[in-house]
């Protein structure tokens, strides 16, 4: 991907993850406009670079971020994010960016068991230190509090 294409992701820079929360620089509506602009540019690029899965999971992240920023968001944004992200995984089923994005989409849906399944896939592919072990513990605690059966497919860390 060229340096010019990388610059197109700058629309997402107005949102900085801070300990699980979003610290918005400026007005939330401006941030959403920046995300919409980035999504549009990523879609334009994908017309020419249709087999580059990073374009798709980054577009999916845009829809996910829009959903997370607006408390009145429609879950259709998550549906769109999941559909686009699944296309990225069709191109490369072991792409870590797409898998992390899919896990985060399931978290936003509140589908913790599904998020844990994806988390386990990430752990199988990538043994380096990342947040997957911590997430497994958080998922287990959440489901225990909900009275759900504990996660049976949890991979060791």
N, C-alpha and C. Protein backbone atom coordinates (compact mmCIF):
# COMPACT_ATOMS: atom_id res chain seq x y z
N UNK A 1 0.84 -1.17 0.00
CA UNK A 1 0.00 0.00 0.00
C UNK A 1 0.89 1.24 0.00
N UNK A 2 0.56 2.21 -0.82
CA UNK A 2 1.40 3.39 -0.94
C UNK A 2 1.22 4.34 0.24
N UNK A 3 2.17 5.26 0.40
CA UNK A 3 2.08 6.26 1.47
C UNK A 3 0.82 7.10 1.32
N UNK A 4 0.41 7.39 0.08
CA UNK A 4 -0.81 8.17 -0.14
C UNK A 4 -2.03 7.44 0.39
N UNK A 5 -2.09 6.12 0.21
CA UNK A 5 -3.22 5.37 0.71
C UNK A 5 -3.22 5.32 2.23
N UNK A 6 -2.05 5.24 2.83
CA UNK A 6 -1.97 5.21 4.29
C UNK A 6 -2.50 6.52 4.86
N UNK A 7 -2.27 7.62 4.19
CA UNK A 7 -2.77 8.92 4.67
C UNK A 7 -4.29 8.94 4.76
N UNK A 8 -4.97 8.10 4.00
CA UNK A 8 -6.43 8.09 4.02
C UNK A 8 -7.00 7.61 5.36
N UNK A 9 -6.18 6.93 6.14
CA UNK A 9 -6.64 6.47 7.45
C UNK A 9 -6.66 7.60 8.48
N UNK A 10 -6.16 8.76 8.12
CA UNK A 10 -6.08 9.87 9.07
C UNK A 10 -7.43 10.29 9.61
N UNK A 11 -8.50 10.02 8.89
CA UNK A 11 -9.83 10.35 9.39
C UNK A 11 -10.16 9.63 10.68
N UNK A 12 -9.54 8.48 10.90
CA UNK A 12 -9.79 7.73 12.12
C UNK A 12 -8.92 8.19 13.28
N UNK A 13 -7.96 9.06 13.02
CA UNK A 13 -7.05 9.50 14.08
C UNK A 13 -7.71 10.43 15.08
N UNK A 14 -8.90 10.95 14.79
CA UNK A 14 -9.56 11.84 15.74
C UNK A 14 -10.09 11.07 16.94
N UNK A 15 -10.01 9.75 16.90
CA UNK A 15 -10.50 8.91 17.98
C UNK A 15 -9.32 8.14 18.56
N UNK A 16 -9.09 8.29 19.83
CA UNK A 16 -7.96 7.63 20.47
C UNK A 16 -8.47 6.71 21.56
N UNK A 17 -8.22 5.39 21.47
CA UNK A 17 -8.65 4.51 22.54
C UNK A 17 -7.86 4.79 23.81
N UNK A 18 -8.56 5.02 24.90
CA UNK A 18 -7.93 5.31 26.19
C UNK A 18 -8.56 4.40 27.24
N UNK A 19 -7.90 3.31 27.54
CA UNK A 19 -8.39 2.42 28.58
C UNK A 19 -9.79 1.88 28.32
N UNK A 20 -10.12 1.61 27.07
CA UNK A 20 -11.44 1.07 26.74
C UNK A 20 -12.46 2.15 26.46
N UNK A 21 -12.15 3.40 26.76
CA UNK A 21 -13.06 4.50 26.46
C UNK A 21 -12.51 5.27 25.28
N UNK A 22 -13.32 6.13 24.73
CA UNK A 22 -12.88 6.93 23.60
C UNK A 22 -12.75 8.37 24.04
N UNK A 23 -11.59 8.94 23.83
CA UNK A 23 -11.32 10.33 24.10
C UNK A 23 -11.46 11.06 22.78
N UNK A 24 -12.48 11.86 22.65
CA UNK A 24 -12.75 12.54 21.39
C UNK A 24 -12.02 13.87 21.37
N UNK A 25 -11.27 14.10 20.33
CA UNK A 25 -10.63 15.39 20.13
C UNK A 25 -11.60 16.21 19.30
N UNK A 26 -12.22 17.17 19.93
CA UNK A 26 -13.20 17.98 19.22
C UNK A 26 -14.61 17.42 19.38
N UNK A 27 -15.49 17.85 18.54
CA UNK A 27 -16.90 17.50 18.58
C UNK A 27 -17.14 16.08 18.08
N UNK A 28 -18.04 15.37 18.73
CA UNK A 28 -18.34 13.99 18.32
C UNK A 28 -18.86 13.94 16.89
N UNK A 29 -19.63 14.93 16.49
CA UNK A 29 -20.14 14.95 15.12
C UNK A 29 -19.01 15.12 14.10
N UNK A 30 -18.00 15.89 14.48
CA UNK A 30 -16.84 16.03 13.60
C UNK A 30 -16.10 14.70 13.48
N UNK A 31 -16.00 13.98 14.60
CA UNK A 31 -15.33 12.67 14.58
C UNK A 31 -16.09 11.71 13.67
N UNK A 32 -17.41 11.71 13.77
CA UNK A 32 -18.23 10.82 12.93
C UNK A 32 -18.09 11.21 11.46
N UNK A 33 -18.03 12.51 11.18
CA UNK A 33 -17.81 12.95 9.79
C UNK A 33 -16.46 12.47 9.28
N UNK A 34 -15.44 12.55 10.14
CA UNK A 34 -14.11 12.07 9.76
C UNK A 34 -14.14 10.56 9.46
N UNK A 35 -14.86 9.82 10.28
CA UNK A 35 -14.99 8.37 10.07
C UNK A 35 -15.71 8.10 8.76
N UNK A 36 -16.80 8.82 8.53
CA UNK A 36 -17.53 8.65 7.26
C UNK A 36 -16.62 8.93 6.06
N UNK A 37 -15.81 9.98 6.18
CA UNK A 37 -14.88 10.32 5.10
C UNK A 37 -13.87 9.20 4.89
N UNK A 38 -13.33 8.67 5.99
CA UNK A 38 -12.36 7.57 5.88
C UNK A 38 -13.00 6.33 5.26
N UNK A 39 -14.23 6.01 5.67
CA UNK A 39 -14.95 4.85 5.11
C UNK A 39 -15.12 5.02 3.61
N UNK A 40 -15.54 6.21 3.20
CA UNK A 40 -15.74 6.48 1.78
C UNK A 40 -14.44 6.29 1.00
N UNK A 41 -13.35 6.81 1.53
CA UNK A 41 -12.07 6.70 0.85
C UNK A 41 -11.59 5.25 0.80
N UNK A 42 -11.81 4.52 1.86
CA UNK A 42 -11.43 3.10 1.86
C UNK A 42 -12.24 2.32 0.83
N UNK A 43 -13.52 2.65 0.71
CA UNK A 43 -14.36 1.98 -0.29
C UNK A 43 -13.89 2.30 -1.70
N UNK A 44 -13.49 3.54 -1.94
CA UNK A 44 -12.99 3.93 -3.26
C UNK A 44 -11.73 3.14 -3.58
N UNK A 45 -10.81 3.06 -2.62
CA UNK A 45 -9.57 2.31 -2.85
C UNK A 45 -9.88 0.84 -3.11
N UNK A 46 -10.86 0.28 -2.40
CA UNK A 46 -11.14 -1.14 -2.53
C UNK A 46 -11.65 -1.50 -3.93
N UNK A 47 -12.12 -0.52 -4.67
CA UNK A 47 -12.54 -0.80 -6.06
C UNK A 47 -11.36 -1.19 -6.93
N UNK A 48 -10.19 -0.65 -6.60
CA UNK A 48 -8.98 -0.95 -7.37
C UNK A 48 -8.11 -2.01 -6.71
N UNK A 49 -8.16 -2.08 -5.41
CA UNK A 49 -7.33 -3.01 -4.64
C UNK A 49 -8.23 -4.02 -3.94
N UNK A 50 -9.13 -4.63 -4.69
CA UNK A 50 -10.19 -5.45 -4.09
C UNK A 50 -9.70 -6.70 -3.38
N UNK A 51 -8.48 -7.11 -3.56
CA UNK A 51 -8.01 -8.33 -2.91
C UNK A 51 -7.09 -8.04 -1.72
N UNK A 52 -7.11 -6.82 -1.21
CA UNK A 52 -6.28 -6.42 -0.07
C UNK A 52 -7.16 -6.38 1.17
N UNK A 53 -7.11 -7.41 1.99
CA UNK A 53 -8.08 -7.56 3.07
C UNK A 53 -8.00 -6.46 4.12
N UNK A 54 -6.85 -5.81 4.28
CA UNK A 54 -6.74 -4.74 5.28
C UNK A 54 -7.73 -3.60 5.00
N UNK A 55 -8.01 -3.34 3.74
CA UNK A 55 -8.99 -2.30 3.41
C UNK A 55 -10.35 -2.63 4.01
N UNK A 56 -10.72 -3.89 3.96
CA UNK A 56 -12.06 -4.29 4.41
C UNK A 56 -12.17 -4.27 5.93
N UNK A 57 -11.17 -4.80 6.63
CA UNK A 57 -11.33 -4.79 8.09
C UNK A 57 -11.17 -3.38 8.65
N UNK A 58 -10.41 -2.51 7.97
CA UNK A 58 -10.34 -1.12 8.43
C UNK A 58 -11.65 -0.39 8.16
N UNK A 59 -12.31 -0.71 7.06
CA UNK A 59 -13.64 -0.15 6.80
C UNK A 59 -14.62 -0.63 7.87
N UNK A 60 -14.54 -1.91 8.21
CA UNK A 60 -15.39 -2.46 9.26
C UNK A 60 -15.14 -1.75 10.59
N UNK A 61 -13.88 -1.44 10.88
CA UNK A 61 -13.56 -0.70 12.11
C UNK A 61 -14.24 0.66 12.12
N UNK A 62 -14.30 1.29 10.96
CA UNK A 62 -14.98 2.58 10.86
C UNK A 62 -16.43 2.48 11.28
N UNK A 63 -17.14 1.47 10.77
CA UNK A 63 -18.54 1.28 11.16
C UNK A 63 -18.66 0.95 12.65
N UNK A 64 -17.74 0.15 13.16
CA UNK A 64 -17.74 -0.18 14.58
C UNK A 64 -17.54 1.08 15.42
N UNK A 65 -16.57 1.91 15.04
CA UNK A 65 -16.32 3.14 15.79
C UNK A 65 -17.52 4.08 15.76
N UNK A 66 -18.18 4.19 14.60
CA UNK A 66 -19.39 5.02 14.52
C UNK A 66 -20.44 4.51 15.51
N UNK A 67 -20.60 3.20 15.57
CA UNK A 67 -21.56 2.60 16.49
C UNK A 67 -21.20 2.94 17.94
N UNK A 68 -19.92 2.80 18.27
CA UNK A 68 -19.48 3.03 19.65
C UNK A 68 -19.56 4.50 20.06
N UNK A 69 -19.38 5.39 19.12
CA UNK A 69 -19.40 6.82 19.43
C UNK A 69 -20.80 7.36 19.67
N UNK A 70 -21.76 6.83 18.99
CA UNK A 70 -23.13 7.35 19.06
C UNK A 70 -23.99 6.38 19.85
N UNK A 71 -24.37 6.80 21.06
CA UNK A 71 -25.15 5.92 21.94
C UNK A 71 -26.52 5.57 21.34
N UNK A 72 -26.98 6.35 20.36
CA UNK A 72 -28.26 6.09 19.70
C UNK A 72 -28.09 5.31 18.40
N UNK A 73 -26.92 4.73 18.21
CA UNK A 73 -26.63 4.03 16.96
C UNK A 73 -27.54 2.82 16.76
N UNK A 74 -27.76 2.55 15.51
CA UNK A 74 -28.52 1.38 15.10
C UNK A 74 -27.55 0.21 14.97
N UNK A 75 -27.98 -0.96 15.39
CA UNK A 75 -27.13 -2.15 15.28
C UNK A 75 -26.84 -2.50 13.82
N UNK A 76 -27.53 -1.85 12.90
CA UNK A 76 -27.24 -2.08 11.48
C UNK A 76 -25.80 -1.69 11.15
N UNK A 77 -25.24 -0.74 11.92
CA UNK A 77 -23.83 -0.40 11.71
C UNK A 77 -22.95 -1.60 12.04
N UNK A 78 -23.30 -2.33 13.09
CA UNK A 78 -22.54 -3.53 13.43
C UNK A 78 -22.74 -4.62 12.40
N UNK A 79 -23.98 -4.73 11.89
CA UNK A 79 -24.25 -5.71 10.83
C UNK A 79 -23.37 -5.43 9.61
N UNK A 80 -23.29 -4.15 9.24
CA UNK A 80 -22.46 -3.75 8.09
C UNK A 80 -20.99 -4.04 8.37
N UNK A 81 -20.55 -3.71 9.58
CA UNK A 81 -19.16 -3.95 9.95
C UNK A 81 -18.83 -5.44 9.87
N UNK A 82 -19.71 -6.28 10.38
CA UNK A 82 -19.47 -7.72 10.38
C UNK A 82 -19.43 -8.27 8.96
N UNK A 83 -20.35 -7.81 8.12
CA UNK A 83 -20.38 -8.29 6.73
C UNK A 83 -19.10 -7.91 5.98
N UNK A 84 -18.67 -6.68 6.14
CA UNK A 84 -17.44 -6.22 5.46
C UNK A 84 -16.23 -6.97 6.01
N UNK A 85 -16.19 -7.12 7.32
CA UNK A 85 -15.05 -7.81 7.95
C UNK A 85 -14.99 -9.27 7.53
N UNK A 86 -16.15 -9.90 7.39
CA UNK A 86 -16.16 -11.29 6.95
C UNK A 86 -15.58 -11.44 5.54
N UNK A 87 -15.76 -10.41 4.71
CA UNK A 87 -15.15 -10.46 3.39
C UNK A 87 -13.62 -10.44 3.51
N UNK A 88 -13.11 -9.62 4.44
CA UNK A 88 -11.66 -9.60 4.68
C UNK A 88 -11.17 -10.99 5.07
N UNK A 89 -11.95 -11.68 5.89
CA UNK A 89 -11.56 -13.02 6.34
C UNK A 89 -11.70 -14.06 5.23
N UNK A 90 -12.55 -13.80 4.24
CA UNK A 90 -12.59 -14.68 3.07
C UNK A 90 -11.28 -14.59 2.29
N UNK A 91 -10.73 -13.39 2.26
CA UNK A 91 -9.47 -13.19 1.55
C UNK A 91 -8.29 -13.78 2.31
N UNK A 92 -8.36 -13.71 3.65
CA UNK A 92 -7.27 -14.24 4.47
C UNK A 92 -7.84 -14.60 5.84
N UNK A 93 -8.18 -15.87 6.03
CA UNK A 93 -8.87 -16.29 7.25
C UNK A 93 -8.01 -16.18 8.50
N UNK A 94 -6.71 -15.98 8.35
CA UNK A 94 -5.82 -15.85 9.51
C UNK A 94 -5.29 -14.43 9.69
N UNK A 95 -5.92 -13.46 9.05
CA UNK A 95 -5.47 -12.08 9.18
C UNK A 95 -5.82 -11.59 10.58
N UNK A 96 -4.80 -11.27 11.36
CA UNK A 96 -5.02 -10.89 12.75
C UNK A 96 -5.83 -9.61 12.90
N UNK A 97 -5.60 -8.64 12.02
CA UNK A 97 -6.38 -7.40 12.08
C UNK A 97 -7.86 -7.66 11.92
N UNK A 98 -8.20 -8.51 10.96
CA UNK A 98 -9.61 -8.85 10.72
C UNK A 98 -10.19 -9.66 11.88
N UNK A 99 -9.38 -10.55 12.45
CA UNK A 99 -9.87 -11.34 13.59
C UNK A 99 -10.09 -10.47 14.83
N UNK A 100 -9.15 -9.58 15.12
CA UNK A 100 -9.34 -8.67 16.26
C UNK A 100 -10.58 -7.80 16.04
N UNK A 101 -10.77 -7.33 14.80
CA UNK A 101 -11.93 -6.50 14.49
C UNK A 101 -13.23 -7.29 14.68
N UNK A 102 -13.24 -8.54 14.21
CA UNK A 102 -14.44 -9.36 14.38
C UNK A 102 -14.73 -9.60 15.86
N UNK A 103 -13.69 -9.85 16.63
CA UNK A 103 -13.87 -10.03 18.07
C UNK A 103 -14.50 -8.78 18.69
N UNK A 104 -13.99 -7.61 18.29
CA UNK A 104 -14.50 -6.36 18.84
C UNK A 104 -15.94 -6.08 18.41
N UNK A 105 -16.29 -6.49 17.21
CA UNK A 105 -17.69 -6.33 16.76
C UNK A 105 -18.60 -7.19 17.62
N UNK A 106 -18.21 -8.43 17.87
CA UNK A 106 -19.03 -9.29 18.73
C UNK A 106 -19.14 -8.73 20.14
N UNK A 107 -18.07 -8.11 20.64
CA UNK A 107 -18.15 -7.46 21.96
C UNK A 107 -19.21 -6.36 21.93
N UNK A 108 -19.21 -5.55 20.87
CA UNK A 108 -20.18 -4.46 20.76
C UNK A 108 -21.61 -4.99 20.69
N UNK A 109 -21.80 -6.13 20.02
CA UNK A 109 -23.11 -6.77 19.98
C UNK A 109 -23.51 -7.30 21.36
N UNK A 110 -22.51 -7.55 22.21
CA UNK A 110 -22.76 -8.21 23.50
C UNK A 110 -22.74 -9.72 23.38
N UNK A 111 -22.20 -10.23 22.28
CA UNK A 111 -22.11 -11.67 22.05
C UNK A 111 -20.75 -12.16 22.53
N UNK A 112 -20.64 -12.31 23.85
CA UNK A 112 -19.36 -12.59 24.48
C UNK A 112 -18.84 -13.98 24.13
N UNK A 113 -19.72 -14.96 24.05
CA UNK A 113 -19.26 -16.31 23.71
C UNK A 113 -18.66 -16.33 22.30
N UNK A 114 -19.29 -15.63 21.36
CA UNK A 114 -18.74 -15.53 20.00
C UNK A 114 -17.41 -14.79 20.01
N UNK A 115 -17.34 -13.71 20.80
CA UNK A 115 -16.09 -12.96 20.91
C UNK A 115 -14.98 -13.86 21.44
N UNK A 116 -15.31 -14.71 22.40
CA UNK A 116 -14.32 -15.62 22.96
C UNK A 116 -13.86 -16.65 21.93
N UNK A 117 -14.77 -17.13 21.08
CA UNK A 117 -14.38 -18.08 20.03
C UNK A 117 -13.34 -17.45 19.10
N UNK A 118 -13.58 -16.19 18.73
CA UNK A 118 -12.63 -15.49 17.87
C UNK A 118 -11.33 -15.25 18.63
N UNK A 119 -11.45 -14.90 19.90
CA UNK A 119 -10.27 -14.69 20.74
C UNK A 119 -9.40 -15.95 20.76
N UNK A 120 -10.03 -17.11 20.86
CA UNK A 120 -9.29 -18.37 20.85
C UNK A 120 -8.59 -18.60 19.50
N UNK A 121 -9.24 -18.23 18.41
CA UNK A 121 -8.60 -18.34 17.10
C UNK A 121 -7.35 -17.46 17.04
N UNK A 122 -7.46 -16.26 17.59
CA UNK A 122 -6.31 -15.35 17.59
C UNK A 122 -5.17 -15.97 18.38
N UNK A 123 -5.47 -16.55 19.53
CA UNK A 123 -4.43 -17.16 20.36
C UNK A 123 -3.76 -18.32 19.64
N UNK A 124 -4.51 -19.08 18.85
CA UNK A 124 -3.93 -20.20 18.10
C UNK A 124 -2.95 -19.72 17.03
N UNK A 125 -3.26 -18.58 16.43
CA UNK A 125 -2.45 -18.05 15.33
C UNK A 125 -1.24 -17.28 15.85
N UNK A 126 -1.44 -16.53 16.92
CA UNK A 126 -0.43 -15.58 17.37
C UNK A 126 -0.08 -15.83 18.83
N UNK A 127 1.10 -16.34 19.08
CA UNK A 127 1.52 -16.67 20.44
C UNK A 127 2.19 -15.49 21.14
N UNK A 128 2.42 -14.38 20.42
CA UNK A 128 3.08 -13.26 21.09
C UNK A 128 2.13 -12.61 22.08
N UNK A 129 2.69 -11.86 22.99
CA UNK A 129 1.90 -11.24 24.04
C UNK A 129 0.96 -10.18 23.45
N UNK A 130 -0.32 -10.38 23.64
CA UNK A 130 -1.32 -9.40 23.28
C UNK A 130 -2.43 -9.49 24.33
N UNK A 131 -3.58 -8.95 24.05
CA UNK A 131 -4.62 -8.89 25.08
C UNK A 131 -5.54 -10.12 25.13
N UNK A 132 -5.23 -11.17 24.38
CA UNK A 132 -6.16 -12.30 24.29
C UNK A 132 -6.34 -13.03 25.62
N UNK A 133 -5.29 -13.20 26.39
CA UNK A 133 -5.42 -13.90 27.68
C UNK A 133 -6.26 -13.08 28.65
N UNK A 134 -6.01 -11.78 28.68
CA UNK A 134 -6.80 -10.91 29.54
C UNK A 134 -8.27 -10.93 29.13
N UNK A 135 -8.51 -10.91 27.82
CA UNK A 135 -9.89 -10.94 27.33
C UNK A 135 -10.58 -12.24 27.73
N UNK A 136 -9.87 -13.37 27.63
CA UNK A 136 -10.47 -14.65 28.03
C UNK A 136 -10.94 -14.59 29.47
N UNK A 137 -10.12 -14.01 30.32
CA UNK A 137 -10.47 -13.88 31.74
C UNK A 137 -11.68 -12.97 31.92
N UNK A 138 -11.69 -11.84 31.20
CA UNK A 138 -12.83 -10.92 31.29
C UNK A 138 -14.12 -11.57 30.80
N UNK A 139 -14.03 -12.32 29.70
CA UNK A 139 -15.22 -13.00 29.17
C UNK A 139 -15.74 -14.01 30.19
N UNK A 140 -14.83 -14.78 30.77
CA UNK A 140 -15.22 -15.78 31.75
C UNK A 140 -15.91 -15.12 32.95
N UNK A 141 -15.35 -14.03 33.45
CA UNK A 141 -15.95 -13.31 34.57
C UNK A 141 -17.32 -12.77 34.22
N UNK A 142 -17.44 -12.20 33.05
CA UNK A 142 -18.72 -11.65 32.60
C UNK A 142 -19.79 -12.74 32.54
N UNK A 143 -19.46 -13.85 31.89
CA UNK A 143 -20.44 -14.93 31.75
C UNK A 143 -20.78 -15.55 33.10
N UNK A 144 -19.84 -15.61 34.01
CA UNK A 144 -20.11 -16.13 35.35
C UNK A 144 -21.11 -15.23 36.07
N UNK A 145 -20.94 -13.93 35.93
CA UNK A 145 -21.86 -12.98 36.56
C UNK A 145 -23.25 -13.05 35.95
N UNK A 146 -23.32 -13.42 34.67
CA UNK A 146 -24.60 -13.54 33.98
C UNK A 146 -25.29 -14.86 34.29
N UNK A 147 -24.57 -15.76 34.97
CA UNK A 147 -25.14 -17.07 35.28
C UNK A 147 -25.02 -18.05 34.14
N UNK A 148 -24.29 -17.68 33.09
CA UNK A 148 -24.09 -18.57 31.95
C UNK A 148 -23.06 -19.63 32.30
N UNK A 149 -23.08 -20.71 31.56
CA UNK A 149 -22.10 -21.77 31.73
C UNK A 149 -20.73 -21.24 31.37
N UNK A 150 -19.72 -21.69 32.07
CA UNK A 150 -18.38 -21.21 31.77
C UNK A 150 -17.96 -21.62 30.37
N UNK A 151 -17.00 -20.92 29.86
CA UNK A 151 -16.52 -21.15 28.50
C UNK A 151 -15.74 -22.45 28.46
N UNK A 152 -16.19 -23.37 27.63
CA UNK A 152 -15.54 -24.69 27.58
C UNK A 152 -14.39 -24.75 26.60
N UNK A 153 -14.36 -23.83 25.62
CA UNK A 153 -13.32 -23.90 24.60
C UNK A 153 -12.16 -22.96 24.87
N UNK A 154 -12.05 -22.49 26.07
CA UNK A 154 -11.00 -21.54 26.40
C UNK A 154 -9.62 -22.17 26.27
N UNK A 155 -8.76 -21.51 25.52
CA UNK A 155 -7.39 -21.98 25.33
C UNK A 155 -6.52 -21.44 26.46
N UNK A 156 -5.53 -22.21 26.85
CA UNK A 156 -4.65 -21.75 27.93
C UNK A 156 -3.73 -20.65 27.42
N UNK A 157 -3.28 -19.85 28.34
CA UNK A 157 -2.40 -18.73 27.98
C UNK A 157 -0.99 -19.00 28.44
